[in-house]
């Protein structure tokens, strides 16, 4: 018998021995019986009712006033800006009610919001704090891309010149506020 045939016979005998030991365990009708789990105790929880919130008439009047100042599309009727977005004012309105003005640089205004988002992402990738503000116009809603907030107008003007050159846009200095 050659060495190759001896290896084949030895392997076959080994496989038959393993099959004789393992196969009866696999096909045994009982199988492995799991240990029974102890029953779970049910716990009854008492649900307490919370008292109804009482809104004072001042809060209700203020809520109604806010509802009246917002149109069906979510734009504030005075500023024409969507609620929650930054309000961008022309730079000539520098001081409102004695507060220090916060400045920004408006890069562009788009009627297609996808273009505005693309520019905002490009500007953010370049390291600038860009933001979007949606405004309602007679021709429909437009989305403005601005960079800010900037505390001093001179810094905003310097940044406006830099951004105009860098992005080849006609950027303007604006006042950010609510």
Protein backbone atom coordinates (compact mmCIF):
# COMPACT_ATOMS: atom_id res chain seq x y z
CA UNK A 1 0.00 0.00 0.00
CA UNK A 2 1.41 3.37 -0.93
CA UNK A 3 1.72 6.23 1.49
CA UNK A 4 -0.96 8.23 -0.33
CA UNK A 5 -3.49 5.37 -0.07
CA UNK A 6 -2.66 4.93 3.62
CA UNK A 7 -3.48 8.62 4.29
CA UNK A 8 -6.79 8.29 2.43
CA UNK A 9 -7.80 5.17 4.40
CA UNK A 10 -6.80 6.74 7.72
CA UNK A 11 -8.80 9.90 6.89
CA UNK A 12 -11.83 7.85 5.89
CA UNK A 13 -11.72 5.83 9.14
CA UNK A 14 -11.42 9.06 11.13
CA UNK A 15 -14.43 10.62 9.37
CA UNK A 16 -16.54 7.49 9.93
CA UNK A 17 -15.61 7.46 13.66
CA UNK A 18 -16.57 11.13 14.05
CA UNK A 19 -19.85 10.53 12.19
CA UNK A 20 -20.71 7.56 14.44
CA UNK A 21 -20.20 9.74 17.53
CA UNK A 22 -21.74 13.04 16.36
CA UNK A 23 -24.68 12.02 14.15
CA UNK A 24 -26.69 10.26 16.90
CA UNK A 25 -26.43 13.42 19.01
CA UNK A 26 -27.76 15.55 16.15
CA UNK A 27 -30.70 13.31 15.34
CA UNK A 28 -31.66 12.42 18.90
CA UNK A 29 -35.34 13.20 19.45
CA UNK A 30 -34.87 14.72 22.88
CA UNK A 31 -32.07 17.09 22.09
CA UNK A 32 -30.90 19.48 24.73
CA UNK A 33 -33.63 20.51 27.09
CA UNK A 34 -33.39 24.13 28.25
CA UNK A 35 -33.66 24.86 31.91
CA UNK A 36 -37.08 26.26 32.77
CA UNK A 37 -37.05 29.97 33.56
CA UNK A 38 -38.52 31.14 36.83
CA UNK A 39 -41.83 32.97 36.40
CA UNK A 40 -41.59 36.75 36.17
CA UNK A 41 -43.40 38.68 38.82
CA UNK A 42 -45.70 41.32 37.43
CA UNK A 43 -45.41 44.69 39.05
CA UNK A 44 -48.38 47.01 39.01
CA UNK A 45 -47.50 50.65 38.62
CA UNK A 46 -49.81 53.42 39.59
CA UNK A 47 -50.15 56.08 36.95
CA UNK A 48 -50.49 59.53 38.36
CA UNK A 49 -52.26 62.19 36.39
CA UNK A 50 -50.51 65.48 35.98
CA UNK A 51 -52.48 68.63 36.59
CA UNK A 52 -53.44 70.49 33.45
CA UNK A 53 -51.20 73.44 32.70
CA UNK A 54 -52.95 76.70 33.18
CA UNK A 55 -51.85 79.38 30.75
CA UNK A 56 -52.33 82.90 31.87
CA UNK A 57 -54.19 85.30 29.65
CA UNK A 58 -51.05 87.31 28.89
CA UNK A 59 -49.32 84.25 27.42
CA UNK A 60 -52.40 83.33 25.41
CA UNK A 61 -52.69 86.88 24.06
CA UNK A 62 -48.99 86.89 23.12
CA UNK A 63 -49.32 83.52 21.36
CA UNK A 64 -52.31 84.77 19.39
CA UNK A 65 -50.42 87.96 18.47
CA UNK A 66 -47.51 85.86 17.18
CA UNK A 67 -49.87 83.63 15.19
CA UNK A 68 -51.34 86.70 13.50
CA UNK A 69 -47.87 88.03 12.56
CA UNK A 70 -46.92 84.83 10.71
CA UNK A 71 -48.31 83.92 7.30
CA UNK A 72 -49.33 80.43 6.16
CA UNK A 73 -45.86 79.61 4.81
CA UNK A 74 -44.07 80.48 8.07
CA UNK A 75 -42.75 83.92 7.11
CA UNK A 76 -42.93 86.83 9.56
CA UNK A 77 -45.10 89.53 7.99
CA UNK A 78 -42.98 92.48 9.18
CA UNK A 79 -39.54 91.21 8.14
CA UNK A 80 -40.63 88.73 5.42
CA UNK A 81 -38.09 86.31 6.89
CA UNK A 82 -38.95 82.71 7.73
CA UNK A 83 -39.39 82.18 11.47
CA UNK A 84 -36.17 80.82 13.00
CA UNK A 85 -33.85 82.23 10.32
CA UNK A 86 -31.50 85.14 10.84
CA UNK A 87 -32.99 88.47 9.85
CA UNK A 88 -30.69 90.41 7.52
CA UNK A 89 -31.20 94.19 7.40
CA UNK A 90 -29.58 96.76 5.10
CA UNK A 91 -26.37 98.17 6.57
CA UNK A 92 -27.79 101.72 6.81
CA UNK A 93 -29.96 100.67 9.79
CA UNK A 94 -26.94 100.53 12.10
CA UNK A 95 -28.41 101.21 15.52
CA UNK A 96 -31.77 99.87 16.53
CA UNK A 97 -33.06 100.67 20.01
CA UNK A 98 -29.58 101.58 21.27
CA UNK A 99 -28.12 98.10 20.87
CA UNK A 100 -24.74 97.46 19.32
CA UNK A 101 -25.14 96.30 15.74
CA UNK A 102 -23.99 92.84 14.73
CA UNK A 103 -22.68 92.71 11.19
CA UNK A 104 -22.48 90.15 8.45
CA UNK A 105 -21.51 89.89 4.82
CA UNK A 106 -24.22 88.79 2.40
CA UNK A 107 -22.62 86.91 -0.48
CA UNK A 108 -25.62 86.21 -2.68
CA UNK A 109 -29.36 85.68 -2.84
CA UNK A 110 -30.81 82.71 -4.75
CA UNK A 111 -34.31 81.81 -5.82
CA UNK A 112 -33.17 78.16 -5.95
CA UNK A 113 -32.32 77.06 -2.41
CA UNK A 114 -30.09 74.22 -3.71
CA UNK A 115 -27.70 76.82 -5.14
CA UNK A 116 -27.69 78.66 -1.82
CA UNK A 117 -26.92 75.47 0.10
CA UNK A 118 -24.10 74.63 -2.34
CA UNK A 119 -22.51 78.08 -1.88
CA UNK A 120 -22.95 77.90 1.91
CA UNK A 121 -21.24 74.49 1.99
CA UNK A 122 -18.39 75.75 -0.22
CA UNK A 123 -17.88 78.79 2.02
CA UNK A 124 -18.01 76.65 5.18
CA UNK A 125 -15.45 74.28 3.69
CA UNK A 126 -13.19 77.33 3.30
CA UNK A 127 -13.55 78.02 7.03
CA UNK A 128 -16.11 80.83 7.14
CA UNK A 129 -19.20 80.76 9.43
CA UNK A 130 -21.82 80.84 6.66
CA UNK A 131 -25.56 80.84 7.27
CA UNK A 132 -28.78 80.80 5.27
CA UNK A 133 -31.77 83.09 5.62
CA UNK A 134 -35.00 82.58 3.67
CA UNK A 135 -36.95 85.69 2.76
CA UNK A 136 -40.29 86.16 1.00
CA UNK A 137 -40.29 88.51 -1.97
CA UNK A 138 -42.95 89.50 -4.50
CA UNK A 139 -41.49 87.03 -6.99
CA UNK A 140 -41.41 84.20 -4.43
CA UNK A 141 -39.13 83.02 -1.66
CA UNK A 142 -35.39 83.45 -1.98
CA UNK A 143 -32.51 82.17 0.11
CA UNK A 144 -29.69 84.48 1.13
CA UNK A 145 -26.17 83.29 1.97
CA UNK A 146 -24.36 85.38 4.57
CA UNK A 147 -21.26 85.14 6.74
CA UNK A 148 -21.37 86.29 10.32
CA UNK A 149 -21.79 87.38 13.01
CA UNK A 150 -19.06 90.01 12.97
CA UNK A 151 -18.88 92.54 15.81
CA UNK A 152 -17.24 95.48 14.05
CA UNK A 153 -18.31 97.07 10.80
CA UNK A 154 -14.71 97.65 9.71
CA UNK A 155 -13.98 93.91 9.99
CA UNK A 156 -17.14 93.21 8.02
CA UNK A 157 -16.07 95.65 5.28
CA UNK A 158 -12.60 94.07 5.08
CA UNK A 159 -14.16 90.62 4.88
CA UNK A 160 -16.61 91.85 2.24
CA UNK A 161 -13.75 92.95 -0.02
CA UNK A 162 -11.86 89.68 0.53
CA UNK A 163 -14.93 87.54 -0.19
CA UNK A 164 -15.88 89.57 -3.28
CA UNK A 165 -12.43 88.88 -4.74
CA UNK A 166 -12.25 85.25 -3.61
CA UNK A 167 -15.68 84.11 -4.84
CA UNK A 168 -16.10 86.66 -7.66
CA UNK A 169 -19.39 87.86 -6.14
CA UNK A 170 -20.80 91.28 -5.34
CA UNK A 171 -20.92 90.83 -1.55
CA UNK A 172 -22.51 93.49 0.66
CA UNK A 173 -22.21 94.38 4.35
CA UNK A 174 -25.47 93.82 6.22
CA UNK A 175 -26.73 94.07 9.79
CA UNK A 176 -27.82 90.80 11.40
CA UNK A 177 -30.59 90.83 13.94
CA UNK A 178 -34.04 89.71 14.87
